[in-house]
Amino acid sequence: MRSFLRNELDSIRSALWFRPTSFCLVAVFAALGVAVGDEYLPTKLFSLLPEIDRDTLRELLRLVAGSMLTVSTVTLSVLMLVLSLVSGQASPRAVPELLADKVTQNALGTFLGSFVFSLSSLLLLSLNTISQAGVTLTFIATLVLVASSVRYLVQWIHHVADAMKLNQIVSSVHCQAAAVLDNYVQGESDSHPPVSGIDFDDGITVQADATGFVQLVDEKALIDIADCADLKVEMLVREGTFVHPHVPLMRLASPTSMLNEEEQALIAKVRSCIVTGSERSSENDPLLGFELLAEIACRSLSSGINDPRTALACIDHIGALLACAAVVPSHRYPSGFSADGRIKFKRPDFSAFLKSAVRPVVRDGASTYEVIEAIIRMLLQLSKIAHADYADALSTESERAMDFGLLRLELAQDKQALADFHS
């Protein structure tokens, strides 16, 4: 349950509706605060300000409410159009990044908050719960909201126009992937030996109880359960793995009879440490960023889009991510075992990053000389800065890219130029 709640909380924070809803609630409480605290407002202070007629305030609130509702509707319509274009040109997997965009959420929240504040103030004004000091304060607050809405409207127009550029989408995906990768390779990296004396042959296999992608593996909770039940656990999935009820999640073994006596209760406990959902979560999945950039590159190389320049931009960003991963030696990657050696985790390494990012682009771009040359150049540059642990993996992918290029390129001049470049 704790794993599920933590994952849901992370999802809610980045959801499109969270900030607008929060802004609307704040607007309601602000309007109610003026009505409730009306009698406590400093009348002498507000008497220095111009006196605002109730009818003037009422007309202003009606105007703002109608305008903000229209602007909010148009904003949502344009956002849906942008999401549709991004899904078609880049990747459907890039849509969650745009939905979590703070500029869009703040703009939509300001528009809806202004609408809700105006509507609430109109209702309170009709009920005669706001005195003259409150009328003046409401008038000032409405003007501030109008100014803020205009500011966010101008910013959002520029932002949404910029967000539609493929290069900007690629850059956004890269920034998110770089942050996740940095957290991954900078995490706990001490090598821990496995615990001995426990055999999985007499253990049990825990199957998934839902269909979807693994979004979170609560390692801390799993370690606590394994320690209390004297278990050894071998994880068979990681974040990003697609599972269904016929897919094993993990194997459990114990030197005691715990598995036979309390097997079902124990399975339910360890299964609750794994959260699944309909989409992959970028927060705990360092492979997703590599795969997204590769997918955008492959889509841009399709005959329907035919945009090699976007593919080249993706290759450059993939090279930047791989460089960050390549300079970290393999022993500094997160350990494959927990500190007590009871749990064996399934974690991606540099080879997994390299294959996920490079192989799809090589497959779909081998018939374009510029693309295959860019990949080989990237791999050669990586080989100069990468740790010695990754020399073989980089050499293998470079040879594979070369073989694909020689097989798919049609012009003899391109084949010769590629051979000369690789040599």
Protein backbone atom coordinates (compact mmCIF):
# COMPACT_ATOMS: atom_id res chain seq x y z
CA MET A 1 0.00 0.00 0.00
CA ARG A 2 2.84 2.40 0.84
CA SER A 3 4.44 1.79 -2.57
CA PHE A 4 1.15 2.38 -4.32
CA LEU A 5 0.48 5.62 -2.43
CA ARG A 6 3.96 6.96 -3.14
CA ASN A 7 3.65 6.22 -6.82
CA GLU A 8 0.17 7.75 -6.97
CA LEU A 9 1.42 10.87 -5.20
CA ASP A 10 4.21 11.30 -7.74
CA SER A 11 1.71 10.85 -10.58
CA ILE A 12 -0.73 13.36 -9.10
CA ARG A 13 1.96 16.02 -8.74
CA SER A 14 2.70 15.87 -12.47
CA ALA A 15 -0.93 15.44 -13.59
CA LEU A 16 -2.49 18.15 -15.75
CA TRP A 17 -5.43 18.65 -13.38
CA PHE A 18 -3.50 19.01 -10.11
CA ARG A 19 -2.28 22.61 -10.33
CA PRO A 20 -5.49 24.00 -11.92
CA THR A 21 -7.55 22.31 -9.22
CA SER A 22 -5.29 23.71 -6.52
CA PHE A 23 -5.57 27.20 -8.01
CA CYS A 24 -9.37 26.92 -8.06
CA LEU A 25 -9.50 25.85 -4.42
CA VAL A 26 -7.26 28.75 -3.43
CA ALA A 27 -9.54 31.11 -5.39
CA VAL A 28 -12.64 29.84 -3.56
CA PHE A 29 -11.01 30.20 -0.15
CA ALA A 30 -9.73 33.67 -1.08
CA ALA A 31 -13.24 34.83 -1.98
CA LEU A 32 -14.65 33.27 1.21
CA GLY A 33 -11.83 34.84 3.22
CA VAL A 34 -12.82 38.30 2.05
CA ALA A 35 -16.45 37.65 3.04
CA VAL A 36 -15.63 36.11 6.43
CA GLY A 37 -12.93 38.60 7.36
CA ASP A 38 -14.74 41.57 5.91
CA GLU A 39 -15.50 43.15 9.28
CA TYR A 40 -11.86 42.85 10.37
CA LEU A 41 -10.47 44.80 7.40
CA PRO A 42 -8.93 48.20 8.25
CA THR A 43 -11.67 50.57 7.08
CA LYS A 44 -9.51 53.69 7.51
CA LEU A 45 -6.84 52.26 5.23
CA PHE A 46 -9.32 51.39 2.50
CA SER A 47 -11.00 54.79 2.85
CA LEU A 48 -7.87 56.32 1.34
CA LEU A 49 -8.53 54.38 -1.85
CA PRO A 50 -11.13 55.37 -4.45
CA GLU A 51 -14.59 54.13 -3.52
CA ILE A 52 -15.72 51.30 -5.79
CA ASP A 53 -19.38 51.01 -6.65
CA ARG A 54 -20.94 47.58 -6.19
CA ASP A 55 -22.42 47.66 -9.68
CA THR A 56 -18.98 48.45 -11.14
CA LEU A 57 -17.45 45.51 -9.31
CA ARG A 58 -20.32 43.27 -10.37
CA GLU A 59 -19.83 44.17 -14.05
CA LEU A 60 -16.08 43.63 -13.76
CA LEU A 61 -16.54 40.22 -12.17
CA ARG A 62 -19.02 39.17 -14.87
CA LEU A 63 -16.63 40.31 -17.58
CA VAL A 64 -13.68 38.47 -16.03
CA ALA A 65 -15.70 35.29 -15.41
CA GLY A 66 -16.92 35.13 -19.02
CA SER A 67 -13.52 36.00 -20.46
CA MET A 68 -11.59 33.50 -18.33
CA LEU A 69 -14.01 30.70 -19.15
CA THR A 70 -13.53 31.39 -22.86
CA VAL A 71 -9.74 31.61 -22.50
CA SER A 72 -9.64 28.35 -20.52
CA THR A 73 -11.70 26.57 -23.18
CA VAL A 74 -9.45 27.85 -25.97
CA THR A 75 -6.35 26.88 -23.97
CA LEU A 76 -7.55 23.31 -23.54
CA SER A 77 -8.47 23.08 -27.24
CA VAL A 78 -5.04 24.31 -28.34
CA LEU A 79 -3.35 21.99 -25.84
CA MET A 80 -5.22 18.98 -27.24
CA LEU A 81 -4.13 19.98 -30.75
CA VAL A 82 -0.51 20.28 -29.64
CA LEU A 83 -0.64 16.90 -27.93
CA SER A 84 -2.07 15.36 -31.09
CA LEU A 85 0.70 16.85 -33.23
CA VAL A 86 3.40 15.76 -30.79
CA SER A 87 1.95 12.25 -30.63
CA GLY A 88 2.00 11.98 -34.43
CA GLN A 89 5.33 13.66 -35.17
CA ALA A 90 7.42 12.64 -32.17
CA SER A 91 6.00 9.82 -30.04
CA PRO A 92 2.87 9.10 -28.00
CA ARG A 93 5.25 8.35 -25.11
CA ALA A 94 6.35 12.02 -25.16
CA VAL A 95 2.82 13.25 -24.36
CA PRO A 96 3.13 12.81 -20.54
CA GLU A 97 6.10 15.19 -20.57
CA LEU A 98 3.92 17.91 -22.10
CA LEU A 99 1.04 17.21 -19.73
CA ALA A 100 3.41 17.68 -16.79
CA ASP A 101 4.69 20.99 -18.19
CA LYS A 102 4.56 23.59 -15.39
CA VAL A 103 4.04 26.59 -17.66
CA THR A 104 0.91 25.05 -19.18
CA GLN A 105 -0.41 23.94 -15.80
CA ASN A 106 0.22 27.36 -14.22
CA ALA A 107 -1.43 29.18 -17.13
CA LEU A 108 -4.49 26.95 -17.09
CA GLY A 109 -4.63 27.19 -13.30
CA THR A 110 -4.51 31.00 -13.41
CA PHE A 111 -7.31 31.17 -15.98
CA LEU A 112 -9.57 28.76 -14.11
CA GLY A 113 -8.67 30.29 -10.74
CA SER A 114 -9.64 33.74 -12.00
CA PHE A 115 -12.95 32.34 -13.29
CA VAL A 116 -13.71 30.60 -10.00
CA PHE A 117 -12.76 33.67 -7.95
CA SER A 118 -14.99 35.92 -10.05
CA LEU A 119 -17.89 33.50 -9.86
CA SER A 120 -17.53 33.06 -6.09
CA SER A 121 -17.23 36.80 -5.52
CA LEU A 122 -20.34 37.43 -7.63
CA LEU A 123 -22.29 34.97 -5.51
CA LEU A 124 -21.05 36.48 -2.24
CA LEU A 125 -21.75 39.99 -3.52
CA SER A 126 -25.32 39.01 -4.37
CA LEU A 127 -25.76 37.67 -0.84
CA ASN A 128 -24.58 41.04 0.59
CA THR A 129 -21.79 39.39 2.60
CA ILE A 130 -19.15 41.87 1.40
CA SER A 131 -18.98 45.40 2.82
CA GLN A 132 -17.43 48.46 1.19
CA ALA A 133 -13.89 47.60 2.36
CA GLY A 134 -14.38 44.09 1.01
CA VAL A 135 -15.68 45.50 -2.27
CA THR A 136 -12.49 47.53 -2.67
CA LEU A 137 -10.30 44.55 -1.79
CA THR A 138 -12.19 42.29 -4.20
CA PHE A 139 -11.83 44.90 -6.94
CA ILE A 140 -8.05 45.09 -6.38
CA ALA A 141 -7.73 41.29 -6.28
CA THR A 142 -9.69 40.99 -9.52
CA LEU A 143 -7.40 43.47 -11.26
CA VAL A 144 -4.35 41.54 -10.03
CA LEU A 145 -5.83 38.30 -11.37
CA VAL A 146 -6.57 39.95 -14.72
CA ALA A 147 -2.97 41.21 -14.97
CA SER A 148 -1.65 37.78 -14.00
CA SER A 149 -3.90 36.08 -16.56
CA VAL A 150 -2.72 38.39 -19.34
CA ARG A 151 0.88 37.71 -18.38
CA TYR A 152 0.39 33.93 -18.42
CA LEU A 153 -1.59 34.11 -21.65
CA VAL A 154 1.27 35.87 -23.46
CA GLN A 155 3.84 33.50 -21.94
CA TRP A 156 1.80 30.42 -22.77
CA ILE A 157 1.27 31.48 -26.40
CA HIS A 158 5.03 31.73 -26.85
CA HIS A 159 5.61 28.54 -24.89
CA VAL A 160 3.11 26.41 -26.80
CA ALA A 161 4.49 27.64 -30.12
CA ASP A 162 7.97 26.67 -28.95
CA ALA A 163 6.76 23.32 -27.60
CA MET A 164 5.50 22.29 -31.05
CA LYS A 165 9.06 22.29 -32.42
CA LEU A 166 10.49 18.81 -32.66
CA ASN A 167 13.90 20.01 -31.52
CA GLN A 168 12.33 21.41 -28.37
CA ILE A 169 10.53 18.11 -27.73
CA VAL A 170 13.80 16.22 -28.19
CA SER A 171 15.55 18.60 -25.82
CA SER A 172 12.80 18.20 -23.20
CA VAL A 173 13.01 14.41 -23.38
CA HIS A 174 16.79 14.61 -23.10
CA CYS A 175 16.65 16.86 -20.02
CA GLN A 176 14.23 14.53 -18.26
CA ALA A 177 16.28 11.47 -19.20
CA ALA A 178 19.53 13.12 -18.09
CA ALA A 179 18.09 13.90 -14.65
CA VAL A 180 16.84 10.32 -14.18
CA LEU A 181 20.13 8.86 -15.43
CA ASP A 182 22.15 11.09 -13.11
CA ASN A 183 20.09 9.95 -10.11
CA TYR A 184 20.56 6.34 -11.20
CA VAL A 185 24.34 6.33 -11.64
CA GLN A 186 24.93 8.58 -8.62
CA GLY A 187 22.93 6.35 -6.29
CA GLU A 188 24.19 3.66 -3.96
CA SER A 189 26.97 1.84 -5.77
CA ASP A 190 28.71 -0.33 -3.18
CA SER A 191 29.07 -3.91 -4.38
CA HIS A 192 27.36 -6.37 -2.07
CA PRO A 193 27.88 -10.15 -2.21
CA PRO A 194 24.83 -12.44 -2.27
CA VAL A 195 23.86 -14.33 0.88
CA SER A 196 24.79 -18.01 0.73
CA GLY A 197 23.07 -21.16 1.85
CA ILE A 198 19.64 -20.60 0.25
CA ASP A 199 18.52 -22.53 -2.81
CA PHE A 200 15.73 -21.33 -5.12
CA ASP A 201 14.92 -24.88 -6.22
CA ASP A 202 12.77 -25.33 -3.10
CA GLY A 203 11.33 -21.83 -3.26
CA ILE A 204 8.31 -20.31 -4.94
CA THR A 205 7.71 -18.02 -7.89
CA VAL A 206 5.55 -14.94 -7.42
CA GLN A 207 3.37 -14.11 -10.43
CA ALA A 208 2.02 -10.67 -11.30
CA ASP A 209 -1.59 -9.99 -10.32
CA ALA A 210 -2.21 -7.20 -12.85
CA THR A 211 -1.44 -6.29 -16.46
CA GLY A 212 0.69 -3.25 -17.21
CA PHE A 213 4.14 -1.73 -16.87
CA VAL A 214 6.13 -1.90 -13.67
CA GLN A 215 6.22 1.71 -12.48
CA LEU A 216 7.90 1.28 -9.12
CA VAL A 217 9.81 -1.35 -7.16
CA ASP A 218 9.81 -0.34 -3.50
CA GLU A 219 13.24 -1.68 -2.63
CA LYS A 220 13.19 -0.52 0.99
CA ALA A 221 9.90 -2.27 1.76
CA LEU A 222 11.09 -5.41 -0.02
CA ILE A 223 14.33 -5.43 2.00
CA ASP A 224 12.37 -5.10 5.26
CA ILE A 225 10.08 -7.99 4.33
CA ALA A 226 13.01 -10.20 3.29
CA ASP A 227 14.82 -9.46 6.54
CA CYS A 228 11.80 -10.18 8.75
CA ALA A 229 10.84 -13.40 6.93
CA ASP A 230 14.43 -14.62 6.45
CA LEU A 231 13.99 -14.62 2.67
CA LYS A 232 16.24 -14.53 -0.34
CA VAL A 233 14.64 -12.76 -3.31
CA GLU A 234 15.60 -12.76 -6.97
CA MET A 235 13.84 -10.00 -8.91
CA LEU A 236 12.88 -11.00 -12.44
CA VAL A 237 11.50 -7.61 -13.49
CA ARG A 238 12.53 -3.96 -13.18
CA GLU A 239 10.86 -0.60 -13.73
CA GLY A 240 9.58 -0.46 -17.30
CA THR A 241 8.99 -4.21 -17.69
CA PHE A 242 5.56 -5.19 -19.05
CA VAL A 243 3.91 -7.84 -16.89
CA HIS A 244 0.67 -9.82 -16.78
CA PRO A 245 -0.67 -12.58 -14.50
CA HIS A 246 1.37 -15.23 -16.33
CA VAL A 247 4.68 -13.37 -15.95
CA PRO A 248 6.86 -14.13 -12.88
CA LEU A 249 7.84 -11.10 -10.83
CA MET A 250 10.36 -12.71 -8.51
CA ARG A 251 11.54 -15.93 -6.94
CA LEU A 252 11.55 -16.46 -3.18
CA ALA A 253 13.57 -18.91 -1.13
CA SER A 254 14.03 -19.42 2.60
CA PRO A 255 15.91 -21.88 4.83
CA THR A 256 12.89 -22.05 7.12
CA SER A 257 9.39 -23.43 6.59
CA MET A 258 7.96 -19.91 6.33
CA LEU A 259 7.10 -20.37 2.66
CA ASN A 260 4.94 -23.40 3.34
CA GLU A 261 3.19 -22.06 6.45
CA GLU A 262 2.44 -18.49 5.41
CA GLU A 263 2.96 -18.65 1.68
CA GLN A 264 -0.09 -16.69 0.50
CA ALA A 265 0.31 -13.89 3.05
CA LEU A 266 3.98 -13.55 2.20
CA ILE A 267 3.27 -13.47 -1.55
CA ALA A 268 0.74 -10.69 -1.02
CA LYS A 269 3.30 -8.68 0.97
CA VAL A 270 6.13 -8.91 -1.55
CA ARG A 271 3.76 -8.40 -4.49
CA SER A 272 2.56 -5.12 -2.93
CA CYS A 273 6.12 -3.79 -3.25
CA ILE A 274 5.69 -3.68 -7.03
CA VAL A 275 3.37 -1.06 -8.53
CA THR A 276 2.07 -1.45 -12.09
CA GLY A 277 0.25 0.96 -14.35
CA SER A 278 -0.86 1.53 -17.92
CA GLU A 279 2.19 3.67 -18.77
CA ARG A 280 5.86 3.59 -17.97
CA SER A 281 7.06 6.07 -15.36
CA SER A 282 10.12 8.13 -16.24
CA GLU A 283 10.93 8.86 -12.59
CA ASN A 284 12.45 5.45 -11.85
CA ASP A 285 13.16 4.09 -15.34
CA PRO A 286 16.52 5.27 -16.76
CA LEU A 287 16.02 3.22 -19.94
CA LEU A 288 12.87 5.08 -20.95
CA GLY A 289 14.68 8.27 -22.00
CA PHE A 290 17.01 6.36 -24.31
CA GLU A 291 14.12 4.48 -25.85
CA LEU A 292 12.07 7.66 -26.33
CA LEU A 293 14.90 9.41 -28.20
CA ALA A 294 15.41 6.32 -30.34
CA GLU A 295 11.67 6.13 -31.06
CA ILE A 296 11.52 9.79 -32.13
CA ALA A 297 14.52 9.22 -34.41
CA CYS A 298 12.95 6.12 -35.96
CA ARG A 299 9.61 7.86 -36.47
CA SER A 300 11.31 10.80 -38.19
CA LEU A 301 13.01 8.35 -40.56
CA SER A 302 9.72 6.75 -41.61
CA SER A 303 8.48 7.31 -45.14
CA GLY A 304 5.49 9.26 -43.86
CA ILE A 305 7.63 11.91 -42.14
CA ASN A 306 11.04 11.59 -43.84
CA ASP A 307 12.91 14.03 -41.59
CA PRO A 308 16.53 12.84 -41.23
CA ARG A 309 17.55 16.10 -39.52
CA THR A 310 15.42 15.28 -36.51
CA ALA A 311 17.01 11.84 -36.42
CA LEU A 312 20.45 13.48 -36.41
CA ALA A 313 19.37 15.72 -33.52
CA CYS A 314 18.19 12.65 -31.60
CA ILE A 315 21.52 10.93 -32.23
CA ASP A 316 23.35 13.94 -30.81
CA HIS A 317 21.22 13.88 -27.66
CA ILE A 318 21.61 10.10 -27.37
CA GLY A 319 25.37 10.59 -27.58
CA ALA A 320 25.21 13.13 -24.76
CA LEU A 321 23.27 10.71 -22.54
CA LEU A 322 25.55 7.79 -23.34
CA ALA A 323 28.59 9.95 -22.56
CA CYS A 324 27.23 10.57 -19.06
CA ALA A 325 26.74 6.83 -18.60
CA ALA A 326 30.04 5.81 -20.23
CA VAL A 327 32.34 7.78 -17.95
CA VAL A 328 30.97 5.97 -14.90
CA PRO A 329 32.76 2.62 -14.39
CA SER A 330 30.61 -0.45 -14.06
CA HIS A 331 31.39 -0.96 -10.36
CA ARG A 332 29.90 2.47 -9.59
CA TYR A 333 26.52 1.56 -11.06
CA PRO A 334 23.86 0.56 -8.51
CA SER A 335 24.70 -2.79 -6.98
CA GLY A 336 22.86 -5.86 -8.19
CA PHE A 337 22.31 -6.98 -4.59
CA SER A 338 20.90 -5.36 -1.47
CA ALA A 339 23.26 -4.45 1.37
CA ASP A 340 22.55 -7.69 3.25
CA GLY A 341 22.82 -9.76 0.04
CA ARG A 342 19.30 -11.15 0.37
CA ILE A 343 17.82 -9.51 -2.73
CA LYS A 344 19.13 -9.71 -6.27
CA PHE A 345 17.82 -6.84 -8.35
CA LYS A 346 17.45 -6.64 -12.10
CA ARG A 347 19.09 -3.37 -13.12
CA PRO A 348 20.03 -1.90 -16.52
CA ASP A 349 23.73 -1.34 -17.22
CA PHE A 350 25.62 0.62 -19.85
CA SER A 351 25.24 -2.17 -22.39
CA ALA A 352 21.44 -2.02 -21.98
CA PHE A 353 21.46 1.76 -22.47
CA LEU A 354 23.63 1.43 -25.56
CA LYS A 355 21.53 -1.26 -27.21
CA SER A 356 18.20 0.42 -26.45
CA ALA A 357 19.37 3.74 -27.90
CA VAL A 358 21.46 2.69 -30.90
CA ARG A 359 20.07 -0.50 -32.38
CA PRO A 360 16.59 0.78 -33.38
CA VAL A 361 18.11 3.83 -35.09
CA VAL A 362 20.68 1.68 -36.90
CA ARG A 363 17.94 -0.64 -38.09
CA ASP A 364 15.73 2.14 -39.48
CA GLY A 365 18.42 4.57 -40.60
CA ALA A 366 20.99 2.28 -42.19
CA SER A 367 19.84 3.21 -45.69
CA THR A 368 20.65 6.89 -45.08
CA TYR A 369 24.35 7.66 -45.20
CA GLU A 370 24.21 10.74 -42.96
CA VAL A 371 22.39 8.84 -40.21
CA ILE A 372 24.63 5.79 -40.16
CA GLU A 373 27.73 7.98 -40.31
CA ALA A 374 26.46 10.06 -37.37
CA ILE A 375 25.93 6.89 -35.32
CA ILE A 376 29.39 5.53 -36.06
CA ARG A 377 30.95 8.92 -35.32
CA MET A 378 29.09 9.07 -32.01
CA LEU A 379 30.31 5.59 -31.06
CA LEU A 380 33.90 6.45 -32.00
CA GLN A 381 33.74 9.59 -29.85
CA LEU A 382 32.33 7.60 -26.96
CA SER A 383 35.14 5.04 -27.23
CA LYS A 384 37.64 7.84 -26.54
CA ILE A 385 36.05 8.93 -23.26
CA ALA A 386 34.32 5.75 -22.08
CA HIS A 387 35.66 3.60 -19.27
CA ALA A 388 37.58 0.53 -20.37
CA ASP A 389 34.72 -1.68 -19.13
CA TYR A 390 32.63 -0.62 -22.14
CA ALA A 391 35.17 -0.91 -24.95
CA ASP A 392 33.84 -4.25 -26.21
CA ALA A 393 30.21 -3.10 -26.17
CA LEU A 394 31.02 0.05 -28.13
CA SER A 395 33.13 -1.88 -30.63
CA THR A 396 30.34 -4.42 -31.14
CA GLU A 397 27.72 -1.75 -31.83
CA SER A 398 30.08 0.12 -34.16
CA GLU A 399 30.74 -3.02 -36.21
CA ARG A 400 27.04 -3.77 -36.26
CA ALA A 401 26.23 -0.28 -37.53
CA MET A 402 28.93 -0.64 -40.18
CA ASP A 403 27.52 -3.99 -41.35
CA PHE A 404 24.00 -2.56 -41.55
CA GLY A 405 25.23 0.42 -43.53
CA LEU A 406 27.13 -1.68 -46.05
CA LEU A 407 24.08 -3.92 -46.43
CA ARG A 408 21.43 -1.19 -46.81
CA LEU A 409 23.21 1.63 -48.64
CA GLU A 410 22.54 1.53 -52.36
CA LEU A 411 25.25 3.74 -53.83
CA ALA A 412 28.75 2.32 -54.09
CA GLN A 413 30.15 5.78 -53.30
CA ASP A 414 28.27 5.86 -49.99
CA LYS A 415 29.52 2.41 -49.07
CA GLN A 416 33.10 3.37 -49.88
CA ALA A 417 32.80 6.65 -47.95
CA LEU A 418 31.41 4.77 -44.94
CA ALA A 419 34.20 2.21 -45.09
CA ASP A 420 36.82 4.94 -45.31
CA PHE A 421 35.26 6.82 -42.39
CA HIS A 422 35.07 3.70 -40.20
CA SER A 423 38.67 2.74 -40.93
